[in-house]
Full PDB file with SEQRES, HELIX, SHEET, SSBOND, CRYST1, ORIGX, SCALE, CONECT and MASTER records, all heavy atoms in Angstrom:
SEQRES   1 A   32  SER GLN GLY VAL TYR ARG LYS ILE VAL PHE SER GLY GLY          
SEQRES   2 A   32  VAL SER GLN TRP TRP GLN ASP ASN SER LEU LYS VAL TYR          
SEQRES   3 A   32  LEU PHE THR PHE PHE VAL                                      
HELIX    1 AA1 GLN A    2  GLN A   19  1                                  18    
HELIX    2 AA2 LEU A   23  PHE A   31  1                                   9    
CRYST1    1.000    1.000    1.000  90.00  90.00  90.00 P 1           1          
ORIGX1      1.000000  0.000000  0.000000        0.00000                         
ORIGX2      0.000000  1.000000  0.000000        0.00000                         
ORIGX3      0.000000  0.000000  1.000000        0.00000                         
SCALE1      1.000000  0.000000  0.000000        0.00000                         
SCALE2      0.000000  1.000000  0.000000        0.00000                         
SCALE3      0.000000  0.000000  1.000000        0.00000                         
ATOM      1  N   SER A   1       4.533   0.750 -19.779  1.00  0.00           N  
ATOM      2  CA  SER A   1       3.790  -0.325 -19.121  1.00  0.00           C  
ATOM      3  C   SER A   1       4.647  -1.149 -18.175  1.00  0.00           C  
ATOM      4  O   SER A   1       4.285  -1.372 -17.025  1.00  0.00           O  
ATOM      5  CB  SER A   1       3.146  -1.228 -20.177  1.00  0.00           C  
ATOM      6  OG  SER A   1       4.154  -1.742 -21.043  1.00  0.00           O  
ATOM      7  N   GLN A   2       5.851  -1.624 -18.670  1.00  0.00           N  
ATOM      8  CA  GLN A   2       6.670  -2.466 -17.808  1.00  0.00           C  
ATOM      9  C   GLN A   2       7.230  -1.689 -16.622  1.00  0.00           C  
ATOM     10  O   GLN A   2       7.255  -2.182 -15.488  1.00  0.00           O  
ATOM     11  CB  GLN A   2       7.817  -3.071 -18.638  1.00  0.00           C  
ATOM     12  CG  GLN A   2       7.353  -4.074 -19.681  1.00  0.00           C  
ATOM     13  CD  GLN A   2       6.665  -5.279 -19.050  1.00  0.00           C  
ATOM     14  OE1 GLN A   2       7.073  -5.733 -17.984  1.00  0.00           O  
ATOM     15  NE2 GLN A   2       5.634  -5.787 -19.701  1.00  0.00           N  
ATOM     16  N   GLY A   3       7.704  -0.458 -16.897  1.00  0.00           N  
ATOM     17  CA  GLY A   3       8.219   0.350 -15.801  1.00  0.00           C  
ATOM     18  C   GLY A   3       7.153   0.684 -14.778  1.00  0.00           C  
ATOM     19  O   GLY A   3       7.378   0.592 -13.567  1.00  0.00           O  
ATOM     20  N   VAL A   4       5.986   1.067 -15.285  1.00  0.00           N  
ATOM     21  CA  VAL A   4       4.879   1.361 -14.369  1.00  0.00           C  
ATOM     22  C   VAL A   4       4.477   0.121 -13.608  1.00  0.00           C  
ATOM     23  O   VAL A   4       4.177   0.156 -12.403  1.00  0.00           O  
ATOM     24  CB  VAL A   4       3.688   1.933 -15.158  1.00  0.00           C  
ATOM     25  CG1 VAL A   4       2.462   2.046 -14.268  1.00  0.00           C  
ATOM     26  CG2 VAL A   4       4.036   3.294 -15.745  1.00  0.00           C  
ATOM     27  N   TYR A   5       4.505  -1.044 -14.302  1.00  0.00           N  
ATOM     28  CA  TYR A   5       4.139  -2.303 -13.647  1.00  0.00           C  
ATOM     29  C   TYR A   5       5.082  -2.608 -12.490  1.00  0.00           C  
ATOM     30  O   TYR A   5       4.671  -2.973 -11.395  1.00  0.00           O  
ATOM     31  CB  TYR A   5       4.157  -3.431 -14.665  1.00  0.00           C  
ATOM     32  CG  TYR A   5       4.051  -4.810 -14.059  1.00  0.00           C  
ATOM     33  CD1 TYR A   5       2.841  -5.272 -13.546  1.00  0.00           C  
ATOM     34  CD2 TYR A   5       5.164  -5.650 -13.979  1.00  0.00           C  
ATOM     35  CE1 TYR A   5       2.738  -6.522 -12.978  1.00  0.00           C  
ATOM     36  CE2 TYR A   5       5.066  -6.898 -13.418  1.00  0.00           C  
ATOM     37  CZ  TYR A   5       3.850  -7.328 -12.914  1.00  0.00           C  
ATOM     38  OH  TYR A   5       3.750  -8.576 -12.341  1.00  0.00           O  
ATOM     39  N   ARG A   6       6.415  -2.453 -12.756  1.00  0.00           N  
ATOM     40  CA  ARG A   6       7.387  -2.730 -11.701  1.00  0.00           C  
ATOM     41  C   ARG A   6       7.223  -1.762 -10.524  1.00  0.00           C  
ATOM     42  O   ARG A   6       7.334  -2.156  -9.364  1.00  0.00           O  
ATOM     43  CB  ARG A   6       8.801  -2.642 -12.278  1.00  0.00           C  
ATOM     44  CG  ARG A   6       9.187  -3.830 -13.152  1.00  0.00           C  
ATOM     45  CD  ARG A   6      10.666  -3.825 -13.444  1.00  0.00           C  
ATOM     46  NE  ARG A   6      11.048  -2.725 -14.306  1.00  0.00           N  
ATOM     47  CZ  ARG A   6      11.078  -2.776 -15.633  1.00  0.00           C  
ATOM     48  NH1 ARG A   6      10.747  -3.912 -16.251  1.00  0.00           N  
ATOM     49  NH2 ARG A   6      11.443  -1.724 -16.345  1.00  0.00           N  
ATOM     50  N   LYS A   7       6.975  -0.494 -10.845  1.00  0.00           N  
ATOM     51  CA  LYS A   7       6.794   0.479  -9.763  1.00  0.00           C  
ATOM     52  C   LYS A   7       5.521   0.191  -8.968  1.00  0.00           C  
ATOM     53  O   LYS A   7       5.486   0.354  -7.749  1.00  0.00           O  
ATOM     54  CB  LYS A   7       6.765   1.890 -10.339  1.00  0.00           C  
ATOM     55  CG  LYS A   7       8.136   2.374 -10.824  1.00  0.00           C  
ATOM     56  CD  LYS A   7       8.032   3.765 -11.383  1.00  0.00           C  
ATOM     57  CE  LYS A   7       9.426   4.303 -11.762  1.00  0.00           C  
ATOM     58  NZ  LYS A   7      10.102   3.426 -12.727  1.00  0.00           N  
ATOM     59  N   ILE A   8       4.467  -0.217  -9.675  1.00  0.00           N  
ATOM     60  CA  ILE A   8       3.212  -0.536  -8.982  1.00  0.00           C  
ATOM     61  C   ILE A   8       3.390  -1.744  -8.081  1.00  0.00           C  
ATOM     62  O   ILE A   8       2.896  -1.785  -6.948  1.00  0.00           O  
ATOM     63  CB  ILE A   8       2.080  -0.763 -10.004  1.00  0.00           C  
ATOM     64  CG1 ILE A   8       1.693   0.564 -10.661  1.00  0.00           C  
ATOM     65  CG2 ILE A   8       0.866  -1.391  -9.336  1.00  0.00           C  
ATOM     66  CD1 ILE A   8       0.663   0.420 -11.750  1.00  0.00           C  
ATOM     67  N   VAL A   9       4.118  -2.770  -8.583  1.00  0.00           N  
ATOM     68  CA  VAL A   9       4.355  -3.958  -7.761  1.00  0.00           C  
ATOM     69  C   VAL A   9       5.147  -3.595  -6.507  1.00  0.00           C  
ATOM     70  O   VAL A   9       4.828  -4.028  -5.390  1.00  0.00           O  
ATOM     71  CB  VAL A   9       5.098  -5.024  -8.590  1.00  0.00           C  
ATOM     72  CG1 VAL A   9       5.580  -6.154  -7.677  1.00  0.00           C  
ATOM     73  CG2 VAL A   9       4.193  -5.571  -9.671  1.00  0.00           C  
ATOM     74  N   PHE A  10       6.189  -2.743  -6.689  1.00  0.00           N  
ATOM     75  CA  PHE A  10       6.995  -2.346  -5.533  1.00  0.00           C  
ATOM     76  C   PHE A  10       6.162  -1.539  -4.537  1.00  0.00           C  
ATOM     77  O   PHE A  10       6.156  -1.817  -3.335  1.00  0.00           O  
ATOM     78  CB  PHE A  10       8.200  -1.529  -6.006  1.00  0.00           C  
ATOM     79  CG  PHE A  10       9.013  -0.975  -4.874  1.00  0.00           C  
ATOM     80  CD1 PHE A  10       9.857  -1.798  -4.138  1.00  0.00           C  
ATOM     81  CD2 PHE A  10       8.918   0.374  -4.531  1.00  0.00           C  
ATOM     82  CE1 PHE A  10      10.598  -1.280  -3.088  1.00  0.00           C  
ATOM     83  CE2 PHE A  10       9.652   0.891  -3.481  1.00  0.00           C  
ATOM     84  CZ  PHE A  10      10.494   0.049  -2.754  1.00  0.00           C  
ATOM     85  N   SER A  11       5.462  -0.512  -5.036  1.00  0.00           N  
ATOM     86  CA  SER A  11       4.657   0.311  -4.125  1.00  0.00           C  
ATOM     87  C   SER A  11       3.520  -0.482  -3.516  1.00  0.00           C  
ATOM     88  O   SER A  11       3.142  -0.263  -2.361  1.00  0.00           O  
ATOM     89  CB  SER A  11       4.123   1.537  -4.876  1.00  0.00           C  
ATOM     90  OG  SER A  11       3.286   1.140  -5.947  1.00  0.00           O  
ATOM     91  N   GLY A  12       2.961  -1.421  -4.288  1.00  0.00           N  
ATOM     92  CA  GLY A  12       1.909  -2.258  -3.712  1.00  0.00           C  
ATOM     93  C   GLY A  12       2.422  -3.136  -2.595  1.00  0.00           C  
ATOM     94  O   GLY A  12       1.728  -3.358  -1.602  1.00  0.00           O  
ATOM     95  N   GLY A  13       3.661  -3.654  -2.741  1.00  0.00           N  
ATOM     96  CA  GLY A  13       4.252  -4.434  -1.656  1.00  0.00           C  
ATOM     97  C   GLY A  13       4.468  -3.604  -0.409  1.00  0.00           C  
ATOM     98  O   GLY A  13       4.201  -4.048   0.705  1.00  0.00           O  
ATOM     99  N   VAL A  14       4.953  -2.364  -0.609  1.00  0.00           N  
ATOM    100  CA  VAL A  14       5.146  -1.475   0.536  1.00  0.00           C  
ATOM    101  C   VAL A  14       3.811  -1.151   1.188  1.00  0.00           C  
ATOM    102  O   VAL A  14       3.670  -1.156   2.419  1.00  0.00           O  
ATOM    103  CB  VAL A  14       5.862  -0.183   0.087  1.00  0.00           C  
ATOM    104  CG1 VAL A  14       5.927   0.815   1.242  1.00  0.00           C  
ATOM    105  CG2 VAL A  14       7.249  -0.496  -0.433  1.00  0.00           C  
ATOM    106  N   SER A  15       2.798  -0.889   0.347  1.00  0.00           N  
ATOM    107  CA  SER A  15       1.479  -0.558   0.886  1.00  0.00           C  
ATOM    108  C   SER A  15       0.876  -1.734   1.631  1.00  0.00           C  
ATOM    109  O   SER A  15       0.277  -1.569   2.687  1.00  0.00           O  
ATOM    110  CB  SER A  15       0.551  -0.115  -0.248  1.00  0.00           C  
ATOM    111  OG  SER A  15      -0.746   0.140   0.228  1.00  0.00           O  
ATOM    112  N   GLN A  16       1.064  -2.950   1.085  1.00  0.00           N  
ATOM    113  CA  GLN A  16       0.530  -4.134   1.764  1.00  0.00           C  
ATOM    114  C   GLN A  16       1.255  -4.376   3.081  1.00  0.00           C  
ATOM    115  O   GLN A  16       0.657  -4.771   4.077  1.00  0.00           O  
ATOM    116  CB  GLN A  16       0.668  -5.353   0.854  1.00  0.00           C  
ATOM    117  CG  GLN A  16       0.024  -6.611   1.431  1.00  0.00           C  
ATOM    118  CD  GLN A  16       0.079  -7.767   0.464  1.00  0.00           C  
ATOM    119  OE1 GLN A  16       0.701  -7.667  -0.584  1.00  0.00           O  
ATOM    120  NE2 GLN A  16      -0.568  -8.856   0.807  1.00  0.00           N  
ATOM    121  N   TRP A  17       2.581  -4.124   3.073  1.00  0.00           N  
ATOM    122  CA  TRP A  17       3.322  -4.260   4.325  1.00  0.00           C  
ATOM    123  C   TRP A  17       2.827  -3.257   5.364  1.00  0.00           C  
ATOM    124  O   TRP A  17       2.739  -3.560   6.551  1.00  0.00           O  
ATOM    125  CB  TRP A  17       4.805  -4.040   4.044  1.00  0.00           C  
ATOM    126  CG  TRP A  17       5.624  -3.919   5.309  1.00  0.00           C  
ATOM    127  CD1 TRP A  17       6.057  -4.919   6.106  1.00  0.00           C  
ATOM    128  CD2 TRP A  17       6.061  -2.695   5.908  1.00  0.00           C  
ATOM    129  NE1 TRP A  17       6.753  -4.398   7.179  1.00  0.00           N  
ATOM    130  CE2 TRP A  17       6.765  -3.039   7.083  1.00  0.00           C  
ATOM    131  CE3 TRP A  17       5.946  -1.343   5.568  1.00  0.00           C  
ATOM    132  CZ2 TRP A  17       7.338  -2.091   7.910  1.00  0.00           C  
ATOM    133  CZ3 TRP A  17       6.520  -0.405   6.393  1.00  0.00           C  
ATOM    134  CH2 TRP A  17       7.203  -0.771   7.547  1.00  0.00           C  
ATOM    135  N   TRP A  18       2.488  -2.038   4.918  1.00  0.00           N  
ATOM    136  CA  TRP A  18       2.035  -1.007   5.847  1.00  0.00           C  
ATOM    137  C   TRP A  18       0.636  -1.290   6.355  1.00  0.00           C  
ATOM    138  O   TRP A  18       0.357  -1.215   7.546  1.00  0.00           O  
ATOM    139  CB  TRP A  18       2.122   0.359   5.169  1.00  0.00           C  
ATOM    140  CG  TRP A  18       1.425   1.449   5.930  1.00  0.00           C  
ATOM    141  CD1 TRP A  18       0.287   2.086   5.581  1.00  0.00           C  
ATOM    142  CD2 TRP A  18       1.820   2.002   7.190  1.00  0.00           C  
ATOM    143  NE1 TRP A  18      -0.064   3.009   6.527  1.00  0.00           N  
ATOM    144  CE2 TRP A  18       0.865   2.976   7.535  1.00  0.00           C  
ATOM    145  CE3 TRP A  18       2.872   1.770   8.059  1.00  0.00           C  
ATOM    146  CZ2 TRP A  18       0.950   3.714   8.696  1.00  0.00           C  
ATOM    147  CZ3 TRP A  18       2.956   2.506   9.226  1.00  0.00           C  
ATOM    148  CH2 TRP A  18       1.998   3.460   9.525  1.00  0.00           C  
ATOM    149  N   GLN A  19      -0.258  -1.638   5.447  1.00  0.00           N  
ATOM    150  CA  GLN A  19      -1.657  -1.801   5.846  1.00  0.00           C  
ATOM    151  C   GLN A  19      -1.949  -3.209   6.335  1.00  0.00           C  
ATOM    152  O   GLN A  19      -2.774  -3.409   7.214  1.00  0.00           O  
ATOM    153  CB  GLN A  19      -2.587  -1.452   4.679  1.00  0.00           C  
ATOM    154  CG  GLN A  19      -2.474  -0.008   4.230  1.00  0.00           C  
ATOM    155  CD  GLN A  19      -3.514   0.360   3.185  1.00  0.00           C  
ATOM    156  OE1 GLN A  19      -4.475  -0.363   3.003  1.00  0.00           O  
ATOM    157  NE2 GLN A  19      -3.316   1.454   2.500  1.00  0.00           N  
ATOM    158  N   ASP A  20      -1.310  -4.195   5.744  1.00  0.00           N  
ATOM    159  CA  ASP A  20      -1.509  -5.592   6.148  1.00  0.00           C  
ATOM    160  C   ASP A  20      -2.980  -5.976   6.120  1.00  0.00           C  
ATOM    161  O   ASP A  20      -3.470  -6.707   6.964  1.00  0.00           O  
ATOM    162  CB  ASP A  20      -0.913  -5.827   7.529  1.00  0.00           C  
ATOM    163  CG  ASP A  20      -0.767  -7.308   7.843  1.00  0.00           C  
ATOM    164  OD1 ASP A  20      -0.735  -8.097   6.885  1.00  0.00           O  
ATOM    165  OD2 ASP A  20      -0.718  -7.672   9.019  1.00  0.00           O  
ATOM    166  N   ASN A  21      -3.675  -5.427   5.113  1.00  0.00           N  
ATOM    167  CA  ASN A  21      -5.111  -5.721   4.937  1.00  0.00           C  
ATOM    168  C   ASN A  21      -5.921  -5.416   6.202  1.00  0.00           C  
ATOM    169  O   ASN A  21      -6.897  -6.085   6.503  1.00  0.00           O  
ATOM    170  CB  ASN A  21      -5.328  -7.185   4.532  1.00  0.00           C  
ATOM    171  CG  ASN A  21      -4.793  -7.462   3.156  1.00  0.00           C  
ATOM    172  OD1 ASN A  21      -4.854  -6.593   2.282  1.00  0.00           O  
ATOM    173  ND2 ASN A  21      -4.270  -8.648   2.938  1.00  0.00           N  
ATOM    174  N   SER A  22      -5.492  -4.429   6.951  1.00  0.00           N  
ATOM    175  CA  SER A  22      -6.165  -4.101   8.215  1.00  0.00           C  
ATOM    176  C   SER A  22      -6.959  -2.812   8.054  1.00  0.00           C  
ATOM    177  O   SER A  22      -6.396  -1.764   7.726  1.00  0.00           O  
ATOM    178  CB  SER A  22      -5.139  -3.938   9.344  1.00  0.00           C  
ATOM    179  OG  SER A  22      -5.776  -3.520  10.519  1.00  0.00           O  
ATOM    180  N   LEU A  23      -8.245  -2.887   8.254  1.00  0.00           N  
ATOM    181  CA  LEU A  23      -9.091  -1.697   8.164  1.00  0.00           C  
ATOM    182  C   LEU A  23      -8.756  -0.698   9.275  1.00  0.00           C  
ATOM    183  O   LEU A  23      -8.868   0.511   9.091  1.00  0.00           O  
ATOM    184  CB  LEU A  23     -10.567  -2.101   8.250  1.00  0.00           C  
ATOM    185  CG  LEU A  23     -11.592  -0.965   8.126  1.00  0.00           C  
ATOM    186  CD1 LEU A  23     -11.479  -0.319   6.739  1.00  0.00           C  
ATOM    187  CD2 LEU A  23     -12.998  -1.497   8.346  1.00  0.00           C  
ATOM    188  N   LYS A  24      -8.284  -1.191  10.420  1.00  0.00           N  
ATOM    189  CA  LYS A  24      -7.953  -0.300  11.521  1.00  0.00           C  
ATOM    190  C   LYS A  24      -6.774   0.613  11.138  1.00  0.00           C  
ATOM    191  O   LYS A  24      -6.783   1.807  11.436  1.00  0.00           O  
ATOM    192  CB  LYS A  24      -7.591  -1.120  12.759  1.00  0.00           C  
ATOM    193  CG  LYS A  24      -8.749  -1.931  13.327  1.00  0.00           C  
ATOM    194  CD  LYS A  24      -8.306  -2.722  14.524  1.00  0.00           C  
ATOM    195  CE  LYS A  24      -9.455  -3.554  15.095  1.00  0.00           C  
ATOM    196  NZ  LYS A  24      -9.043  -4.366  16.242  1.00  0.00           N  
ATOM    197  N   VAL A  25      -5.754   0.019  10.480  1.00  0.00           N  
ATOM    198  CA  VAL A  25      -4.610   0.824  10.076  1.00  0.00           C  
ATOM    199  C   VAL A  25      -5.027   1.867   9.052  1.00  0.00           C  
ATOM    200  O   VAL A  25      -4.594   3.025   9.079  1.00  0.00           O  
ATOM    201  CB  VAL A  25      -3.493  -0.074   9.516  1.00  0.00           C  
ATOM    202  CG1 VAL A  25      -2.320   0.753   9.006  1.00  0.00           C  
ATOM    203  CG2 VAL A  25      -3.021  -1.048  10.581  1.00  0.00           C  
ATOM    204  N   TYR A  26      -5.920   1.437   8.143  1.00  0.00           N  
ATOM    205  CA  TYR A  26      -6.391   2.380   7.141  1.00  0.00           C  
ATOM    206  C   TYR A  26      -7.152   3.536   7.791  1.00  0.00           C  
ATOM    207  O   TYR A  26      -6.934   4.709   7.455  1.00  0.00           O  
ATOM    208  CB  TYR A  26      -7.309   1.656   6.151  1.00  0.00           C  
ATOM    209  CG  TYR A  26      -8.074   2.580   5.259  1.00  0.00           C  
ATOM    210  CD1 TYR A  26      -7.450   3.272   4.221  1.00  0.00           C  
ATOM    211  CD2 TYR A  26      -9.439   2.788   5.458  1.00  0.00           C  
ATOM    212  CE1 TYR A  26      -8.157   4.129   3.413  1.00  0.00           C  
ATOM    213  CE2 TYR A  26     -10.155   3.651   4.661  1.00  0.00           C  
ATOM    214  CZ  TYR A  26      -9.505   4.312   3.625  1.00  0.00           C  
ATOM    215  OH  TYR A  26     -10.210   5.167   2.824  1.00  0.00           O  
ATOM    216  N   LEU A  27      -8.007   3.230   8.749  1.00  0.00           N  
ATOM    217  CA  LEU A  27      -8.772   4.288   9.405  1.00  0.00           C  
ATOM    218  C   LEU A  27      -7.862   5.193  10.236  1.00  0.00           C  
ATOM    219  O   LEU A  27      -8.073   6.401  10.319  1.00  0.00           O  
ATOM    220  CB  LEU A  27      -9.862   3.667  10.289  1.00  0.00           C  
ATOM    221  CG  LEU A  27     -10.981   2.954   9.521  1.00  0.00           C  
ATOM    222  CD1 LEU A  27     -11.936   2.295  10.494  1.00  0.00           C  
ATOM    223  CD2 LEU A  27     -11.725   3.925   8.625  1.00  0.00           C  
ATOM    224  N   PHE A  28      -6.828   4.597  10.846  1.00  0.00           N  
ATOM    225  CA  PHE A  28      -5.879   5.417  11.591  1.00  0.00           C  
ATOM    226  C   PHE A  28      -5.129   6.364  10.653  1.00  0.00           C  
ATOM    227  O   PHE A  28      -4.929   7.537  10.966  1.00  0.00           O  
ATOM    228  CB  PHE A  28      -4.897   4.518  12.338  1.00  0.00           C  
ATOM    229  CG  PHE A  28      -3.797   5.281  13.044  1.00  0.00           C  
ATOM    230  CD1 PHE A  28      -4.066   5.980  14.210  1.00  0.00           C  
ATOM    231  CD2 PHE A  28      -2.517   5.312  12.522  1.00  0.00           C  
ATOM    232  CE1 PHE A  28      -3.066   6.684  14.853  1.00  0.00           C  
ATOM    233  CE2 PHE A  28      -1.517   6.012  13.159  1.00  0.00           C  
ATOM    234  CZ  PHE A  28      -1.789   6.700  14.327  1.00  0.00           C  
ATOM    235  N   THR A  29      -4.729   5.837   9.487  1.00  0.00           N  
ATOM    236  CA  THR A  29      -4.053   6.690   8.506  1.00  0.00           C  
ATOM    237  C   THR A  29      -4.964   7.812   8.043  1.00  0.00           C  
ATOM    238  O   THR A  29      -4.539   8.964   7.890  1.00  0.00           O  
ATOM    239  CB  THR A  29      -3.612   5.839   7.305  1.00  0.00           C  
ATOM    240  OG1 THR A  29      -2.873   4.718   7.760  1.00  0.00           O  
ATOM    241  CG2 THR A  29      -2.746   6.645   6.354  1.00  0.00           C  
ATOM    242  N   PHE A  30      -6.249   7.476   7.851  1.00  0.00           N  
ATOM    243  CA  PHE A  30      -7.200   8.506   7.439  1.00  0.00           C  
ATOM    244  C   PHE A  30      -7.368   9.561   8.532  1.00  0.00           C  
ATOM    245  O   PHE A  30      -7.478  10.754   8.250  1.00  0.00           O  
ATOM    246  CB  PHE A  30      -8.546   7.849   7.123  1.00  0.00           C  
ATOM    247  CG  PHE A  30      -9.630   8.842   6.816  1.00  0.00           C  
ATOM    248  CD1 PHE A  30      -9.714   9.428   5.566  1.00  0.00           C  
ATOM    249  CD2 PHE A  30     -10.567   9.196   7.777  1.00  0.00           C  
ATOM    250  CE1 PHE A  30     -10.696  10.342   5.284  1.00  0.00           C  
ATOM    251  CE2 PHE A  30     -11.555  10.111   7.506  1.00  0.00           C  
ATOM    252  CZ  PHE A  30     -11.613  10.680   6.237  1.00  0.00           C  
ATOM    253  N   PHE A  31      -7.348   9.114   9.783  1.00  0.00           N  
ATOM    254  CA  PHE A  31      -7.485  10.061  10.891  1.00  0.00           C  
ATOM    255  C   PHE A  31      -6.296  11.014  10.931  1.00  0.00           C  
ATOM    256  O   PHE A  31      -6.461  12.221  11.118  1.00  0.00           O  
ATOM    257  CB  PHE A  31      -7.599   9.276  12.203  1.00  0.00           C  
ATOM    258  CG  PHE A  31      -7.624  10.146  13.425  1.00  0.00           C  
ATOM    259  CD1 PHE A  31      -8.743  10.907  13.732  1.00  0.00           C  
ATOM    260  CD2 PHE A  31      -6.527  10.199  14.267  1.00  0.00           C  
ATOM    261  CE1 PHE A  31      -8.763  11.709  14.854  1.00  0.00           C  
ATOM    262  CE2 PHE A  31      -6.545  10.990  15.392  1.00  0.00           C  
ATOM    263  CZ  PHE A  31      -7.671  11.743  15.683  1.00  0.00           C  
ATOM    264  N   VAL A  32      -5.081  10.482  10.745  1.00  0.00           N  
ATOM    265  CA  VAL A  32      -3.893  11.333  10.740  1.00  0.00           C  
ATOM    266  C   VAL A  32      -3.952  12.323   9.584  1.00  0.00           C  
ATOM    267  O   VAL A  32      -3.657  13.519   9.739  1.00  0.00           O  
ATOM    268  CB  VAL A  32      -2.620  10.468  10.665  1.00  0.00           C  
ATOM    269  CG1 VAL A  32      -1.375  11.341  10.503  1.00  0.00           C  
ATOM    270  CG2 VAL A  32      -2.499   9.597  11.908  1.00  0.00           C  
TER     271      VAL A  32                                                      
MASTER        0    0    0    2    0    0    0    6  270    1    0    3          
END                                                                             
């Protein structure tokens, strides 16, 4: 649980940095 939690927090931060809550970035990623 703790290890998975830390990994999820880290990957979630990276994902939030990448997507920045932008639907356009998500759709572009889906297109690629």
